[in-house]
Amino acid sequence: MPALPPAFLSIPERGVPLDELAARANAVLAQAGREGADGRAATHIDTRTGRFYQTIGVLPKPQYEGRRALYSLTHLVRLVAAKRLQAEGHSLAQIQAALPARTDAQLVRALTAMHARSAPKPSEAAGPPALPRPIPPVQPPAPAAPATLHAF
């Protein structure tokens, strides 16, 4: 398996509860700079999202310790991959079909490549910030003709 980012390495062997898994996934997404500006899918992951992904088959069922569900590295990798794919514009149906067919190693390689693409380039990181473009003046709209209602 390729080298894992530090947030992935901190998952204990026995697993973590769902709320902790969601927090770790959010940390990985924040580190990768995913902010969800497209408005299609929230990048914030909560326990409800995790349970929903489990229900639709994006995440495998957790291991149980008594009545307590514990989630592993596999769950974290798949949860982050699903959100990254959503942020790139893939539908949940596409993700639902694609993720179960992939191994953890394949997903880690893909996430590593995605992270490398989203990391700022040295030329972008150095230098002063770009100045915003001036906002053009807004022209008032032309008066509209009165709306008429038509019977069906």
Protein backbone atom coordinates (compact mmCIF):
# COMPACT_ATOMS: atom_id res chain seq x y z
CA MET A 1 0.00 0.00 0.00
CA PRO A 2 1.34 3.51 -0.75
CA ALA A 3 2.48 5.82 2.01
CA LEU A 4 -0.47 7.05 4.03
CA PRO A 5 -1.00 10.62 5.20
CA PRO A 6 -0.50 11.05 8.98
CA ALA A 7 -4.23 11.33 9.71
CA PHE A 8 -4.72 7.82 8.35
CA LEU A 9 -1.90 6.34 10.40
CA SER A 10 -3.45 7.29 13.72
CA ILE A 11 -6.36 4.82 13.53
CA PRO A 12 -5.92 2.22 16.29
CA GLU A 13 -5.96 -1.46 15.28
CA ARG A 14 -9.23 -2.10 17.13
CA GLY A 15 -10.97 0.84 15.38
CA VAL A 16 -12.72 4.03 16.46
CA PRO A 17 -16.36 5.03 17.07
CA LEU A 18 -18.26 6.69 14.22
CA ASP A 19 -18.06 10.22 15.65
CA GLU A 20 -14.27 9.94 15.87
CA LEU A 21 -14.10 8.49 12.35
CA ALA A 22 -16.09 11.47 11.06
CA ALA A 23 -13.77 13.90 12.87
CA ARG A 24 -10.68 12.22 11.38
CA ALA A 25 -12.23 12.26 7.90
CA ASN A 26 -13.01 15.98 8.28
CA ALA A 27 -9.39 16.60 9.31
CA VAL A 28 -8.11 14.77 6.21
CA LEU A 29 -10.46 16.73 3.94
CA ALA A 30 -9.49 20.04 5.57
CA GLN A 31 -5.80 19.21 5.19
CA ALA A 32 -6.40 18.50 1.49
CA GLY A 33 -8.11 21.86 1.07
CA ARG A 34 -11.56 20.60 0.13
CA GLU A 35 -14.04 23.33 0.94
CA GLY A 36 -17.06 22.33 -1.14
CA ALA A 37 -17.52 25.66 -2.93
CA ASP A 38 -19.57 24.00 -5.67
CA GLY A 39 -22.57 23.73 -3.35
CA ARG A 40 -23.54 20.26 -4.60
CA ALA A 41 -22.35 18.17 -1.70
CA ALA A 42 -21.37 19.31 1.75
CA THR A 43 -17.83 18.26 2.56
CA HIS A 44 -18.49 18.18 6.29
CA ILE A 45 -18.95 14.59 7.44
CA ASP A 46 -21.04 13.75 10.47
CA THR A 47 -22.26 10.49 11.99
CA ARG A 48 -25.45 10.65 9.97
CA THR A 49 -23.44 10.73 6.72
CA GLY A 50 -21.40 7.74 7.88
CA ARG A 51 -24.52 5.71 8.67
CA PHE A 52 -26.11 6.66 5.35
CA TYR A 53 -23.00 5.62 3.41
CA GLN A 54 -23.04 2.33 5.28
CA THR A 55 -26.72 1.79 4.42
CA ILE A 56 -26.16 2.36 0.69
CA GLY A 57 -23.01 0.21 0.57
CA VAL A 58 -20.34 2.89 0.19
CA LEU A 59 -18.93 1.90 3.60
CA PRO A 60 -18.70 -1.71 4.80
CA LYS A 61 -20.36 -2.71 8.05
CA PRO A 62 -18.24 -1.97 11.14
CA GLN A 63 -16.84 -4.45 13.63
CA TYR A 64 -18.67 -4.65 16.93
CA GLU A 65 -17.29 -4.73 20.43
CA GLY A 66 -20.39 -5.61 22.41
CA ARG A 67 -22.95 -3.07 21.22
CA ARG A 68 -20.31 -0.54 20.19
CA ALA A 69 -19.53 -0.19 16.47
CA LEU A 70 -15.85 0.35 15.64
CA TYR A 71 -14.60 1.67 12.32
CA SER A 72 -11.20 0.91 10.81
CA LEU A 73 -8.71 2.39 8.39
CA THR A 74 -10.76 0.88 5.55
CA HIS A 75 -13.76 2.94 6.63
CA LEU A 76 -11.72 6.15 6.84
CA VAL A 77 -10.17 5.66 3.40
CA ARG A 78 -13.56 4.92 1.81
CA LEU A 79 -15.31 7.79 3.59
CA VAL A 80 -12.70 10.33 2.48
CA ALA A 81 -12.66 8.90 -1.06
CA ALA A 82 -16.45 9.19 -1.31
CA LYS A 83 -16.44 12.83 -0.21
CA ARG A 84 -13.53 13.72 -2.50
CA LEU A 85 -15.35 12.14 -5.44
CA GLN A 86 -18.54 14.00 -4.56
CA ALA A 87 -16.60 17.27 -4.38
CA GLU A 88 -15.24 16.55 -7.87
CA GLY A 89 -18.80 16.29 -9.19
CA HIS A 90 -19.44 12.54 -9.19
CA SER A 91 -22.95 11.46 -8.28
CA LEU A 92 -23.63 9.30 -5.27
CA ALA A 93 -24.86 6.55 -7.63
CA GLN A 94 -21.49 6.58 -9.44
CA ILE A 95 -19.63 6.46 -6.14
CA GLN A 96 -21.89 3.70 -4.84
CA ALA A 97 -21.10 1.61 -7.91
CA ALA A 98 -17.35 2.31 -8.02
CA LEU A 99 -16.08 2.24 -4.43
CA PRO A 100 -16.98 -1.32 -3.40
CA ALA A 101 -15.06 -2.64 -6.42
CA ARG A 102 -11.83 -0.88 -5.36
CA THR A 103 -9.23 -2.13 -2.91
CA ASP A 104 -7.95 0.04 -0.07
CA ALA A 105 -4.57 0.27 -1.81
CA GLN A 106 -6.20 1.57 -5.01
CA LEU A 107 -8.17 4.16 -3.04
CA VAL A 108 -5.11 5.32 -1.10
CA ARG A 109 -3.18 5.76 -4.38
CA ALA A 110 -6.10 7.75 -5.83
CA LEU A 111 -6.41 9.92 -2.70
CA THR A 112 -2.67 10.57 -2.70
CA ALA A 113 -2.87 11.67 -6.35
CA MET A 114 -5.91 13.86 -5.63
CA HIS A 115 -4.11 15.43 -2.68
CA ALA A 116 -1.05 16.15 -4.83
CA ARG A 117 -3.24 17.84 -7.46
CA SER A 118 -4.98 20.01 -4.87
CA ALA A 119 -1.80 21.03 -2.99
CA PRO A 120 -0.63 24.59 -3.77
CA LYS A 121 2.28 24.80 -6.17
CA PRO A 122 5.45 26.54 -4.90
CA SER A 123 4.84 29.43 -7.30
CA GLU A 124 1.32 29.88 -5.86
CA ALA A 125 2.43 29.71 -2.24
CA ALA A 126 5.12 32.40 -2.57
CA GLY A 127 4.55 36.09 -3.20
CA PRO A 128 1.87 38.57 -2.26
CA PRO A 129 -1.76 37.63 -2.64
CA ALA A 130 -3.44 38.55 -5.90
CA LEU A 131 -5.49 41.73 -5.88
CA PRO A 132 -9.20 41.27 -6.47
CA ARG A 133 -10.58 42.40 -9.79
CA PRO A 134 -12.73 45.54 -9.69
CA ILE A 135 -16.44 44.87 -9.69
CA PRO A 136 -18.17 46.38 -12.72
CA PRO A 137 -21.11 48.70 -12.01
CA VAL A 138 -24.52 47.06 -12.10
CA GLN A 139 -26.97 48.41 -14.67
CA PRO A 140 -30.57 48.61 -13.47
CA PRO A 141 -32.81 46.14 -15.31
CA ALA A 142 -35.17 47.42 -18.00
CA PRO A 143 -38.79 47.67 -16.84
CA ALA A 144 -40.53 44.39 -17.43
CA ALA A 145 -43.87 44.05 -19.16
CA PRO A 146 -46.69 43.19 -16.77
CA ALA A 147 -47.05 39.49 -16.24
CA THR A 148 -50.22 37.86 -17.43
CA LEU A 149 -51.74 34.66 -16.14
CA HIS A 150 -53.02 32.14 -18.61
CA ALA A 151 -55.66 29.59 -17.77
CA PHE A 152 -54.75 25.97 -18.31
